[in-house]
Amino acid sequence: MTQYRHTATADVPADELFAFLSHPENLPRYFPEMKVAEPTGGDSVHVEAEVHGERVASEAWLRTDRADRSLSWGAEGPDDYRGELRIRDDGRGASEITVTLHSVREADGEEVQRGLERTIAAMTQAVTADDKS
């Protein structure tokens, strides 16, 4: 299994960041490839994404733990794709975000890592833009 991890800080309070990220409907706001993310009941989420120029629809799951400020997600399929996100309060009003991705699919590691870094940056931009609206 291949694993990718990235940690970054965001000038957003941890509770505010978690509240934004814990809603699957916000996924397309910070994950450019994601076109649709609709809760379908319980932990289930219907997702549609553009993957290498092809529209792909799938059923995924998303679990949230407010006390731990963590999310976990995944999708059934041949790649056994799943991930975790944890948000920590840095003690100065900002947050530390750590995202870990797991997949059995071999991919260009640098491409995945760069995408992970861009997505975390987009998360913080989306939540701060949400504050201004």
C-alpha atoms as a PDB file:
ATOM      1  CA  MET A   1       0.000   0.000   0.000  1.00  0.00           C
ATOM      2  CA  THR A   2       1.248   3.448  -0.927  1.00  0.00           C
ATOM      3  CA  GLN A   3       0.906   6.264   1.616  1.00  0.00           C
ATOM      4  CA  TYR A   4       1.218  10.024   1.163  1.00  0.00           C
ATOM      5  CA  ARG A   5       1.199  12.605   3.960  1.00  0.00           C
ATOM      6  CA  HIS A   6       1.337  16.372   4.177  1.00  0.00           C
ATOM      7  CA  THR A   7       1.075  18.778   7.111  1.00  0.00           C
ATOM      8  CA  ALA A   8       0.482  22.519   6.812  1.00  0.00           C
ATOM      9  CA  THR A   9      -0.682  25.388   8.976  1.00  0.00           C
ATOM     10  CA  ALA A  10      -3.686  27.596   8.325  1.00  0.00           C
ATOM     11  CA  ASP A  11      -4.542  30.968   9.825  1.00  0.00           C
ATOM     12  CA  VAL A  12      -8.021  29.696  10.698  1.00  0.00           C
ATOM     13  CA  PRO A  13      -9.213  28.543  14.142  1.00  0.00           C
ATOM     14  CA  ALA A  14      -9.330  24.744  14.359  1.00  0.00           C
ATOM     15  CA  ASP A  15     -13.049  24.499  15.193  1.00  0.00           C
ATOM     16  CA  GLU A  16     -13.978  26.786  12.305  1.00  0.00           C
ATOM     17  CA  LEU A  17     -11.821  24.833   9.864  1.00  0.00           C
ATOM     18  CA  PHE A  18     -13.246  21.509  11.029  1.00  0.00           C
ATOM     19  CA  ALA A  19     -16.827  22.798  10.751  1.00  0.00           C
ATOM     20  CA  PHE A  20     -16.208  23.756   7.116  1.00  0.00           C
ATOM     21  CA  LEU A  21     -14.355  20.589   6.115  1.00  0.00           C
ATOM     22  CA  SER A  22     -16.787  18.214   7.835  1.00  0.00           C
ATOM     23  CA  HIS A  23     -19.531  19.042   5.315  1.00  0.00           C
ATOM     24  CA  PRO A  24     -19.087  16.901   2.177  1.00  0.00           C
ATOM     25  CA  GLU A  25     -20.954  19.486   0.103  1.00  0.00           C
ATOM     26  CA  ASN A  26     -17.881  21.734   0.449  1.00  0.00           C
ATOM     27  CA  LEU A  27     -15.521  19.236  -1.239  1.00  0.00           C
ATOM     28  CA  PRO A  28     -15.831  20.784  -4.735  1.00  0.00           C
ATOM     29  CA  ARG A  29     -14.887  24.181  -3.262  1.00  0.00           C
ATOM     30  CA  TYR A  30     -11.353  23.054  -2.463  1.00  0.00           C
ATOM     31  CA  PHE A  31     -10.798  19.887  -4.494  1.00  0.00           C
ATOM     32  CA  PRO A  32     -10.866  21.053  -8.127  1.00  0.00           C
ATOM     33  CA  GLU A  33     -11.304  17.577  -9.605  1.00  0.00           C
ATOM     34  CA  MET A  34     -14.411  16.977  -7.468  1.00  0.00           C
ATOM     35  CA  LYS A  35     -17.540  18.117  -9.277  1.00  0.00           C
ATOM     36  CA  VAL A  36     -20.294  16.685  -7.030  1.00  0.00           C
ATOM     37  CA  ALA A  37     -20.347  15.559  -3.387  1.00  0.00           C
ATOM     38  CA  GLU A  38     -23.814  14.821  -2.017  1.00  0.00           C
ATOM     39  CA  PRO A  39     -24.585  13.057   1.275  1.00  0.00           C
ATOM     40  CA  THR A  40     -26.943  10.130   0.678  1.00  0.00           C
ATOM     41  CA  GLY A  41     -27.573   9.066   4.272  1.00  0.00           C
ATOM     42  CA  GLY A  42     -25.429   7.907   7.172  1.00  0.00           C
ATOM     43  CA  ASP A  43     -21.755   8.009   6.214  1.00  0.00           C
ATOM     44  CA  SER A  44     -22.487   7.582   2.481  1.00  0.00           C
ATOM     45  CA  VAL A  45     -21.654  10.258  -0.069  1.00  0.00           C
ATOM     46  CA  HIS A  46     -22.262  10.259  -3.829  1.00  0.00           C
ATOM     47  CA  VAL A  47     -19.239  11.776  -5.571  1.00  0.00           C
ATOM     48  CA  GLU A  48     -18.404  12.687  -9.147  1.00  0.00           C
ATOM     49  CA  ALA A  49     -14.929  13.772 -10.207  1.00  0.00           C
ATOM     50  CA  GLU A  50     -12.864  14.468 -13.305  1.00  0.00           C
ATOM     51  CA  VAL A  51     -10.018  11.956 -13.315  1.00  0.00           C
ATOM     52  CA  HIS A  52      -7.520  12.324 -16.166  1.00  0.00           C
ATOM     53  CA  GLY A  53     -10.189  13.920 -18.350  1.00  0.00           C
ATOM     54  CA  GLU A  54     -12.894  11.345 -17.591  1.00  0.00           C
ATOM     55  CA  ARG A  55     -15.979  11.920 -15.432  1.00  0.00           C
ATOM     56  CA  VAL A  56     -16.156   9.211 -12.751  1.00  0.00           C
ATOM     57  CA  ALA A  57     -19.087   8.666 -10.374  1.00  0.00           C
ATOM     58  CA  SER A  58     -18.815   6.596  -7.211  1.00  0.00           C
ATOM     59  CA  GLU A  59     -20.232   5.998  -3.783  1.00  0.00           C
ATOM     60  CA  ALA A  60     -17.864   6.873  -0.963  1.00  0.00           C
ATOM     61  CA  TRP A  61     -17.993   7.170   2.807  1.00  0.00           C
ATOM     62  CA  LEU A  62     -17.050  10.038   5.106  1.00  0.00           C
ATOM     63  CA  ARG A  63     -16.824   9.772   8.889  1.00  0.00           C
ATOM     64  CA  THR A  64     -16.313  12.726  11.176  1.00  0.00           C
ATOM     65  CA  ASP A  65     -15.138  12.897  14.772  1.00  0.00           C
ATOM     66  CA  ARG A  66     -15.811  16.365  16.144  1.00  0.00           C
ATOM     67  CA  ALA A  67     -14.092  15.699  19.513  1.00  0.00           C
ATOM     68  CA  ASP A  68     -10.882  14.689  17.725  1.00  0.00           C
ATOM     69  CA  ARG A  69     -11.367  17.173  14.837  1.00  0.00           C
ATOM     70  CA  SER A  70     -10.750  14.360  12.372  1.00  0.00           C
ATOM     71  CA  LEU A  71     -12.263  13.061   9.156  1.00  0.00           C
ATOM     72  CA  SER A  72     -11.784   9.725   7.468  1.00  0.00           C
ATOM     73  CA  TRP A  73     -13.019   8.778   4.015  1.00  0.00           C
ATOM     74  CA  GLY A  74     -12.746   6.162   1.365  1.00  0.00           C
ATOM     75  CA  ALA A  75     -14.284   4.525  -1.652  1.00  0.00           C
ATOM     76  CA  GLU A  76     -14.785   0.884  -2.434  1.00  0.00           C
ATOM     77  CA  GLY A  77     -12.979  -0.362  -5.490  1.00  0.00           C
ATOM     78  CA  PRO A  78      -9.807  -1.875  -6.843  1.00  0.00           C
ATOM     79  CA  ASP A  79      -7.553   0.918  -5.519  1.00  0.00           C
ATOM     80  CA  ASP A  80      -8.673   0.567  -1.866  1.00  0.00           C
ATOM     81  CA  TYR A  81      -8.513   4.364  -1.624  1.00  0.00           C
ATOM     82  CA  ARG A  82      -8.899   5.949   1.815  1.00  0.00           C
ATOM     83  CA  GLY A  83      -7.595   8.884   3.799  1.00  0.00           C
ATOM     84  CA  GLU A  84      -7.584  10.725   7.084  1.00  0.00           C
ATOM     85  CA  LEU A  85      -7.458  14.394   7.992  1.00  0.00           C
ATOM     86  CA  ARG A  86      -6.660  15.731  11.456  1.00  0.00           C
ATOM     87  CA  ILE A  87      -6.830  19.323  12.609  1.00  0.00           C
ATOM     88  CA  ARG A  88      -4.970  20.542  15.684  1.00  0.00           C
ATOM     89  CA  ASP A  89      -5.213  23.915  17.366  1.00  0.00           C
ATOM     90  CA  ASP A  90      -1.724  25.417  17.329  1.00  0.00           C
ATOM     91  CA  GLY A  91      -2.444  27.427  20.499  1.00  0.00           C
ATOM     92  CA  ARG A  92      -2.201  30.778  18.674  1.00  0.00           C
ATOM     93  CA  GLY A  93      -5.588  30.789  16.909  1.00  0.00           C
ATOM     94  CA  ALA A  94      -4.356  28.902  13.852  1.00  0.00           C
ATOM     95  CA  SER A  95      -4.604  25.250  12.826  1.00  0.00           C
ATOM     96  CA  GLU A  96      -2.256  22.469  11.859  1.00  0.00           C
ATOM     97  CA  ILE A  97      -3.752  20.178   9.194  1.00  0.00           C
ATOM     98  CA  THR A  98      -2.364  16.710   8.492  1.00  0.00           C
ATOM     99  CA  VAL A  99      -3.748  14.664   5.620  1.00  0.00           C
ATOM    100  CA  THR A 100      -2.748  11.072   4.944  1.00  0.00           C
ATOM    101  CA  LEU A 101      -3.788   9.183   1.803  1.00  0.00           C
ATOM    102  CA  HIS A 102      -3.591   5.416   1.293  1.00  0.00           C
ATOM    103  CA  SER A 103      -4.005   3.468  -1.941  1.00  0.00           C
ATOM    104  CA  VAL A 104      -2.872   0.190  -3.401  1.00  0.00           C
ATOM    105  CA  ARG A 105      -2.758   1.854  -6.826  1.00  0.00           C
ATOM    106  CA  GLU A 106       0.683   2.779  -8.017  1.00  0.00           C
ATOM    107  CA  ALA A 107       0.869   6.393  -9.122  1.00  0.00           C
ATOM    108  CA  ASP A 108       3.425   9.061  -9.816  1.00  0.00           C
ATOM    109  CA  GLY A 109       4.314   9.845  -6.194  1.00  0.00           C
ATOM    110  CA  GLU A 110       5.411  13.389  -6.928  1.00  0.00           C
ATOM    111  CA  GLU A 111       2.151  14.125  -8.755  1.00  0.00           C
ATOM    112  CA  VAL A 112       0.092  12.787  -5.843  1.00  0.00           C
ATOM    113  CA  GLN A 113       2.171  14.694  -3.280  1.00  0.00           C
ATOM    114  CA  ARG A 114       1.899  17.977  -5.208  1.00  0.00           C
ATOM    115  CA  GLY A 115      -1.859  17.450  -5.543  1.00  0.00           C
ATOM    116  CA  LEU A 116      -2.144  16.836  -1.815  1.00  0.00           C
ATOM    117  CA  GLU A 117      -0.218  20.041  -1.053  1.00  0.00           C
ATOM    118  CA  ARG A 118      -2.394  22.066  -3.482  1.00  0.00           C
ATOM    119  CA  THR A 119      -5.582  20.641  -1.977  1.00  0.00           C
ATOM    120  CA  ILE A 120      -4.593  21.580   1.585  1.00  0.00           C
ATOM    121  CA  ALA A 121      -3.742  25.116   0.426  1.00  0.00           C
ATOM    122  CA  ALA A 122      -7.125  25.309  -1.329  1.00  0.00           C
ATOM    123  CA  MET A 123      -8.889  24.144   1.860  1.00  0.00           C
ATOM    124  CA  THR A 124      -7.611  27.113   3.814  1.00  0.00           C
ATOM    125  CA  GLN A 125      -8.406  29.543   0.998  1.00  0.00           C
ATOM    126  CA  ALA A 126     -11.958  28.185   0.696  1.00  0.00           C
ATOM    127  CA  VAL A 127     -12.718  28.471   4.395  1.00  0.00           C
ATOM    128  CA  THR A 128     -11.348  32.012   4.610  1.00  0.00           C
ATOM    129  CA  ALA A 129     -13.343  33.012   1.494  1.00  0.00           C
ATOM    130  CA  ASP A 130     -16.425  31.484   3.144  1.00  0.00           C
ATOM    131  CA  ASP A 131     -15.855  33.765   6.166  1.00  0.00           C
ATOM    132  CA  LYS A 132     -15.896  36.838   3.932  1.00  0.00           C
ATOM    133  CA  SER A 133     -19.186  35.969   2.210  1.00  0.00           C
END
